[in-house]
Amino acid sequence: MTKIIDFYCDEVLSGRLPIRKVAETERCLAFHHTKPSWSLHIVIIPKSHLTTLSDVQDFSLISEIFTVISDIVKVQQLETMNYKVITNGGTFQDTKHLHFHLVAGTPLNNVTREP
């Protein structure tokens, strides 16, 4: 049987991988992406394991995550810039742990995506 790898639980939340924290609450963590594709690329995750958005039962967690995202937007002064908040599901989801990307600025490595 193949073990499903959860990068965020196994590496980030365990402390095995050093990260640059941006914000943290009791139930969520925001940090700079370990392999960014934008000049500003922050990942926001729940600390409890949830595989996808459809697994969420306590929507106060989503509210907390978006409060953290809103605070980061204000601190980073992104209100007057282009930025995106993205989550993936199904086959678009590389790691099976609910997570959100906050991206802004310039695409890196010739990525041609609009913020």
N, C-alpha and C. Protein backbone atom coordinates (compact mmCIF):
# COMPACT_ATOMS: atom_id res chain seq x y z
N MET A 1 0.84 -1.19 0.00
CA MET A 1 0.00 0.00 0.00
C MET A 1 0.88 1.25 0.00
N THR A 2 0.58 2.20 -0.86
CA THR A 2 1.36 3.42 -0.98
C THR A 2 0.91 4.42 0.10
N LYS A 3 1.88 4.95 0.81
CA LYS A 3 1.58 5.95 1.83
C LYS A 3 1.37 7.30 1.13
N ILE A 4 0.27 7.94 1.44
CA ILE A 4 0.01 9.28 0.91
C ILE A 4 0.87 10.25 1.71
N ILE A 5 1.68 11.00 1.00
CA ILE A 5 2.57 11.95 1.65
C ILE A 5 1.82 13.26 1.89
N ASP A 6 1.88 13.74 3.09
CA ASP A 6 1.30 15.03 3.44
C ASP A 6 2.48 15.93 3.81
N PHE A 7 2.95 16.67 2.85
CA PHE A 7 4.11 17.54 3.04
C PHE A 7 3.94 18.46 4.23
N TYR A 8 2.74 19.03 4.38
CA TYR A 8 2.54 20.02 5.44
C TYR A 8 2.56 19.39 6.83
N CYS A 9 1.94 18.25 7.01
CA CYS A 9 1.99 17.56 8.31
C CYS A 9 3.38 16.96 8.54
N ASP A 10 3.88 16.23 7.54
CA ASP A 10 5.12 15.48 7.70
C ASP A 10 6.35 16.36 7.81
N GLU A 11 6.39 17.45 7.07
CA GLU A 11 7.60 18.27 7.02
C GLU A 11 7.47 19.61 7.73
N VAL A 12 6.41 20.35 7.44
CA VAL A 12 6.29 21.72 7.96
C VAL A 12 5.83 21.72 9.41
N LEU A 13 4.67 21.13 9.68
CA LEU A 13 4.13 21.18 11.05
C LEU A 13 4.95 20.35 12.03
N SER A 14 5.66 19.35 11.54
CA SER A 14 6.51 18.54 12.42
C SER A 14 7.77 19.29 12.83
N GLY A 15 8.10 20.36 12.08
CA GLY A 15 9.31 21.12 12.37
C GLY A 15 10.54 20.56 11.66
N ARG A 16 10.39 19.51 10.89
CA ARG A 16 11.53 18.91 10.19
C ARG A 16 12.09 19.83 9.11
N LEU A 17 11.24 20.63 8.50
CA LEU A 17 11.67 21.55 7.46
C LEU A 17 11.65 22.97 8.01
N PRO A 18 12.78 23.67 7.94
CA PRO A 18 12.77 25.06 8.39
C PRO A 18 11.93 25.92 7.44
N ILE A 19 11.12 26.78 8.02
CA ILE A 19 10.28 27.68 7.23
C ILE A 19 10.44 29.10 7.76
N ARG A 20 10.02 30.06 6.94
CA ARG A 20 10.00 31.46 7.38
C ARG A 20 8.54 31.81 7.65
N LYS A 21 8.17 31.82 8.93
CA LYS A 21 6.79 32.12 9.31
C LYS A 21 6.44 33.56 8.99
N VAL A 22 5.19 33.73 8.56
CA VAL A 22 4.65 35.06 8.31
C VAL A 22 3.63 35.40 9.39
N ALA A 23 2.81 34.42 9.75
CA ALA A 23 1.78 34.61 10.78
C ALA A 23 1.41 33.24 11.33
N GLU A 24 0.87 33.26 12.55
CA GLU A 24 0.45 32.01 13.16
C GLU A 24 -0.64 32.29 14.18
N THR A 25 -1.63 31.41 14.19
CA THR A 25 -2.67 31.44 15.21
C THR A 25 -2.70 30.05 15.84
N GLU A 26 -3.62 29.84 16.73
CA GLU A 26 -3.74 28.54 17.36
C GLU A 26 -4.07 27.44 16.33
N ARG A 27 -4.81 27.82 15.27
CA ARG A 27 -5.27 26.79 14.32
C ARG A 27 -4.72 26.89 12.91
N CYS A 28 -3.92 27.92 12.61
CA CYS A 28 -3.37 28.00 11.26
C CYS A 28 -1.98 28.62 11.27
N LEU A 29 -1.27 28.36 10.17
CA LEU A 29 0.11 28.80 10.02
C LEU A 29 0.28 29.36 8.61
N ALA A 30 0.94 30.51 8.51
CA ALA A 30 1.27 31.11 7.23
C ALA A 30 2.79 31.24 7.14
N PHE A 31 3.33 30.86 6.00
CA PHE A 31 4.78 30.90 5.83
C PHE A 31 5.13 31.10 4.37
N HIS A 32 6.36 31.56 4.13
CA HIS A 32 6.82 31.74 2.76
C HIS A 32 6.98 30.37 2.11
N HIS A 33 6.47 30.25 0.89
CA HIS A 33 6.54 28.99 0.15
C HIS A 33 8.00 28.55 0.05
N THR A 34 8.24 27.25 0.19
CA THR A 34 9.61 26.74 0.14
C THR A 34 10.17 26.71 -1.28
N LYS A 35 9.29 26.72 -2.29
CA LYS A 35 9.70 26.79 -3.70
C LYS A 35 8.76 27.76 -4.41
N PRO A 36 8.94 29.07 -4.15
CA PRO A 36 7.99 30.06 -4.65
C PRO A 36 7.96 30.15 -6.17
N SER A 37 6.78 30.47 -6.68
CA SER A 37 6.65 30.73 -8.12
C SER A 37 6.28 32.20 -8.38
N TRP A 38 6.21 32.98 -7.32
CA TRP A 38 5.96 34.43 -7.40
C TRP A 38 6.93 35.14 -6.46
N SER A 39 7.19 36.41 -6.70
CA SER A 39 8.10 37.16 -5.83
C SER A 39 7.56 37.22 -4.40
N LEU A 40 6.25 37.23 -4.23
CA LEU A 40 5.63 37.03 -2.92
C LEU A 40 4.75 35.81 -3.02
N HIS A 41 5.07 34.77 -2.28
CA HIS A 41 4.32 33.51 -2.35
C HIS A 41 4.24 32.93 -0.95
N ILE A 42 3.08 33.09 -0.34
CA ILE A 42 2.86 32.66 1.04
C ILE A 42 1.83 31.54 1.04
N VAL A 43 2.10 30.53 1.84
CA VAL A 43 1.18 29.40 1.99
C VAL A 43 0.51 29.51 3.35
N ILE A 44 -0.79 29.28 3.39
CA ILE A 44 -1.54 29.33 4.64
C ILE A 44 -2.22 27.98 4.81
N ILE A 45 -1.98 27.32 5.95
CA ILE A 45 -2.50 25.97 6.18
C ILE A 45 -3.18 25.88 7.54
N PRO A 46 -4.18 25.01 7.64
CA PRO A 46 -4.70 24.68 8.97
C PRO A 46 -3.68 23.76 9.65
N LYS A 47 -3.56 23.88 10.95
CA LYS A 47 -2.64 23.01 11.69
C LYS A 47 -3.20 21.61 11.85
N SER A 48 -4.51 21.47 11.79
CA SER A 48 -5.11 20.13 11.84
C SER A 48 -5.17 19.59 10.41
N HIS A 49 -5.09 18.28 10.29
CA HIS A 49 -5.10 17.70 8.96
C HIS A 49 -6.51 17.70 8.37
N LEU A 50 -6.65 18.38 7.27
CA LEU A 50 -7.85 18.34 6.44
C LEU A 50 -7.35 18.13 5.02
N THR A 51 -7.90 17.17 4.31
CA THR A 51 -7.39 16.86 2.99
C THR A 51 -7.80 17.91 1.96
N THR A 52 -9.07 18.26 1.93
CA THR A 52 -9.56 19.21 0.93
C THR A 52 -10.58 20.16 1.55
N LEU A 53 -10.95 21.15 0.79
CA LEU A 53 -11.95 22.11 1.24
C LEU A 53 -13.27 21.43 1.59
N SER A 54 -13.62 20.38 0.87
CA SER A 54 -14.89 19.69 1.13
C SER A 54 -14.87 18.92 2.46
N ASP A 55 -13.70 18.75 3.08
CA ASP A 55 -13.60 18.09 4.38
C ASP A 55 -13.90 19.03 5.55
N VAL A 56 -13.95 20.33 5.29
CA VAL A 56 -14.15 21.31 6.35
C VAL A 56 -15.56 21.17 6.92
N GLN A 57 -15.64 21.02 8.24
CA GLN A 57 -16.93 21.01 8.91
C GLN A 57 -17.09 22.22 9.82
N ASP A 58 -15.99 22.72 10.35
CA ASP A 58 -15.99 23.89 11.22
C ASP A 58 -15.56 25.10 10.40
N PHE A 59 -16.54 25.83 9.88
CA PHE A 59 -16.21 26.93 8.99
C PHE A 59 -15.62 28.14 9.71
N SER A 60 -15.58 28.10 11.04
CA SER A 60 -14.86 29.16 11.75
C SER A 60 -13.36 29.05 11.46
N LEU A 61 -12.89 27.85 11.11
CA LEU A 61 -11.49 27.67 10.72
C LEU A 61 -11.20 28.44 9.42
N ILE A 62 -12.10 28.34 8.46
CA ILE A 62 -11.92 29.07 7.20
C ILE A 62 -11.95 30.57 7.46
N SER A 63 -12.82 31.00 8.34
CA SER A 63 -12.87 32.41 8.71
C SER A 63 -11.54 32.85 9.34
N GLU A 64 -10.98 32.01 10.20
CA GLU A 64 -9.69 32.33 10.83
C GLU A 64 -8.58 32.40 9.78
N ILE A 65 -8.58 31.45 8.85
CA ILE A 65 -7.57 31.46 7.78
C ILE A 65 -7.68 32.73 6.95
N PHE A 66 -8.90 33.12 6.59
CA PHE A 66 -9.06 34.32 5.78
C PHE A 66 -8.81 35.60 6.57
N THR A 67 -8.97 35.57 7.87
CA THR A 67 -8.58 36.71 8.69
C THR A 67 -7.06 36.86 8.65
N VAL A 68 -6.35 35.74 8.75
CA VAL A 68 -4.87 35.77 8.65
C VAL A 68 -4.46 36.28 7.28
N ILE A 69 -5.10 35.79 6.22
CA ILE A 69 -4.78 36.25 4.87
C ILE A 69 -5.02 37.76 4.75
N SER A 70 -6.15 38.23 5.25
CA SER A 70 -6.47 39.66 5.20
C SER A 70 -5.42 40.48 5.94
N ASP A 71 -4.99 40.00 7.10
CA ASP A 71 -3.96 40.71 7.86
C ASP A 71 -2.65 40.77 7.08
N ILE A 72 -2.29 39.66 6.41
CA ILE A 72 -1.06 39.65 5.61
C ILE A 72 -1.16 40.63 4.46
N VAL A 73 -2.32 40.67 3.80
CA VAL A 73 -2.53 41.62 2.70
C VAL A 73 -2.30 43.04 3.20
N LYS A 74 -2.81 43.36 4.37
CA LYS A 74 -2.63 44.71 4.93
C LYS A 74 -1.18 44.97 5.29
N VAL A 75 -0.53 44.05 5.98
CA VAL A 75 0.87 44.23 6.40
C VAL A 75 1.79 44.36 5.18
N GLN A 76 1.55 43.54 4.17
CA GLN A 76 2.37 43.56 2.95
C GLN A 76 1.96 44.69 1.99
N GLN A 77 0.93 45.45 2.37
CA GLN A 77 0.42 46.58 1.59
C GLN A 77 0.06 46.16 0.16
N LEU A 78 -0.70 45.07 0.07
CA LEU A 78 -1.09 44.53 -1.22
C LEU A 78 -2.41 45.09 -1.74
N GLU A 79 -3.10 45.90 -0.94
CA GLU A 79 -4.42 46.39 -1.34
C GLU A 79 -4.40 47.12 -2.67
N THR A 80 -3.29 47.77 -3.00
CA THR A 80 -3.22 48.54 -4.24
C THR A 80 -2.47 47.79 -5.34
N MET A 81 -2.13 46.53 -5.10
CA MET A 81 -1.42 45.71 -6.08
C MET A 81 -2.35 44.59 -6.56
N ASN A 82 -1.88 43.85 -7.53
CA ASN A 82 -2.56 42.63 -7.93
C ASN A 82 -2.10 41.51 -7.02
N TYR A 83 -3.04 40.74 -6.52
CA TYR A 83 -2.70 39.55 -5.74
C TYR A 83 -3.82 38.54 -5.91
N LYS A 84 -3.50 37.28 -5.58
CA LYS A 84 -4.47 36.19 -5.67
C LYS A 84 -4.40 35.35 -4.42
N VAL A 85 -5.55 34.75 -4.07
CA VAL A 85 -5.63 33.71 -3.06
C VAL A 85 -6.16 32.48 -3.80
N ILE A 86 -5.39 31.38 -3.73
CA ILE A 86 -5.70 30.19 -4.51
C ILE A 86 -5.73 28.98 -3.59
N THR A 87 -6.67 28.08 -3.84
CA THR A 87 -6.62 26.75 -3.24
C THR A 87 -6.85 25.74 -4.35
N ASN A 88 -6.34 24.55 -4.17
CA ASN A 88 -6.43 23.51 -5.18
C ASN A 88 -7.19 22.33 -4.62
N GLY A 89 -7.79 21.57 -5.50
CA GLY A 89 -8.48 20.35 -5.10
C GLY A 89 -8.36 19.31 -6.19
N GLY A 90 -8.75 18.09 -5.86
CA GLY A 90 -8.69 17.00 -6.84
C GLY A 90 -7.29 16.77 -7.36
N THR A 91 -7.18 16.59 -8.67
CA THR A 91 -5.87 16.31 -9.25
C THR A 91 -4.97 17.54 -9.30
N PHE A 92 -5.51 18.73 -9.07
CA PHE A 92 -4.68 19.94 -9.01
C PHE A 92 -3.91 20.04 -7.69
N GLN A 93 -4.28 19.23 -6.71
CA GLN A 93 -3.71 19.33 -5.37
C GLN A 93 -2.52 18.38 -5.26
N ASP A 94 -1.31 18.94 -5.22
CA ASP A 94 -0.09 18.12 -5.13
C ASP A 94 0.07 17.44 -3.78
N THR A 95 -0.23 18.14 -2.72
CA THR A 95 -0.15 17.55 -1.39
C THR A 95 -1.56 17.50 -0.81
N LYS A 96 -1.90 16.42 -0.21
CA LYS A 96 -3.27 16.19 0.25
C LYS A 96 -3.49 16.77 1.65
N HIS A 97 -3.33 18.07 1.75
CA HIS A 97 -3.57 18.84 2.97
C HIS A 97 -4.12 20.18 2.49
N LEU A 98 -5.28 20.55 2.98
CA LEU A 98 -5.88 21.82 2.59
C LEU A 98 -4.87 22.95 2.78
N HIS A 99 -4.71 23.77 1.76
CA HIS A 99 -3.80 24.90 1.87
C HIS A 99 -4.22 25.97 0.87
N PHE A 100 -3.81 27.18 1.17
CA PHE A 100 -4.11 28.35 0.35
C PHE A 100 -2.80 29.03 0.00
N HIS A 101 -2.73 29.57 -1.22
CA HIS A 101 -1.57 30.33 -1.66
C HIS A 101 -1.99 31.79 -1.78
N LEU A 102 -1.19 32.67 -1.23
CA LEU A 102 -1.33 34.11 -1.45
C LEU A 102 -0.14 34.50 -2.30
N VAL A 103 -0.41 34.93 -3.54
CA VAL A 103 0.67 35.28 -4.45
C VAL A 103 0.49 36.71 -4.93
N ALA A 104 1.63 37.37 -5.15
CA ALA A 104 1.62 38.75 -5.64
C ALA A 104 2.98 39.04 -6.24
N GLY A 105 3.04 40.17 -6.93
CA GLY A 105 4.32 40.60 -7.48
C GLY A 105 4.58 40.02 -8.84
N THR A 106 5.80 39.55 -9.01
CA THR A 106 6.29 39.09 -10.30
C THR A 106 6.40 37.57 -10.33
N PRO A 107 5.93 36.94 -11.41
CA PRO A 107 6.14 35.50 -11.54
C PRO A 107 7.63 35.19 -11.64
N LEU A 108 8.05 34.09 -11.03
CA LEU A 108 9.45 33.66 -11.08
C LEU A 108 9.60 32.53 -12.09
N ASN A 109 10.80 32.29 -12.53
CA ASN A 109 11.11 31.17 -13.41
C ASN A 109 10.26 31.18 -14.67
N ASN A 110 10.01 32.37 -15.20
CA ASN A 110 9.24 32.51 -16.44
C ASN A 110 7.83 31.93 -16.35
N VAL A 111 7.27 31.91 -15.16
CA VAL A 111 5.87 31.47 -15.00
C VAL A 111 5.00 32.55 -15.61
N THR A 112 4.09 32.17 -16.47
CA THR A 112 3.24 33.16 -17.13
C THR A 112 1.82 33.06 -16.58
N ARG A 113 1.66 33.46 -15.33
CA ARG A 113 0.35 33.46 -14.69
C ARG A 113 0.01 34.88 -14.28
N GLU A 114 -1.23 35.21 -14.41
CA GLU A 114 -1.70 36.53 -13.98
C GLU A 114 -2.04 36.49 -12.50
N PRO A 115 -1.60 37.48 -11.70
CA PRO A 115 -2.01 37.49 -10.29
C PRO A 115 -3.45 37.93 -10.14
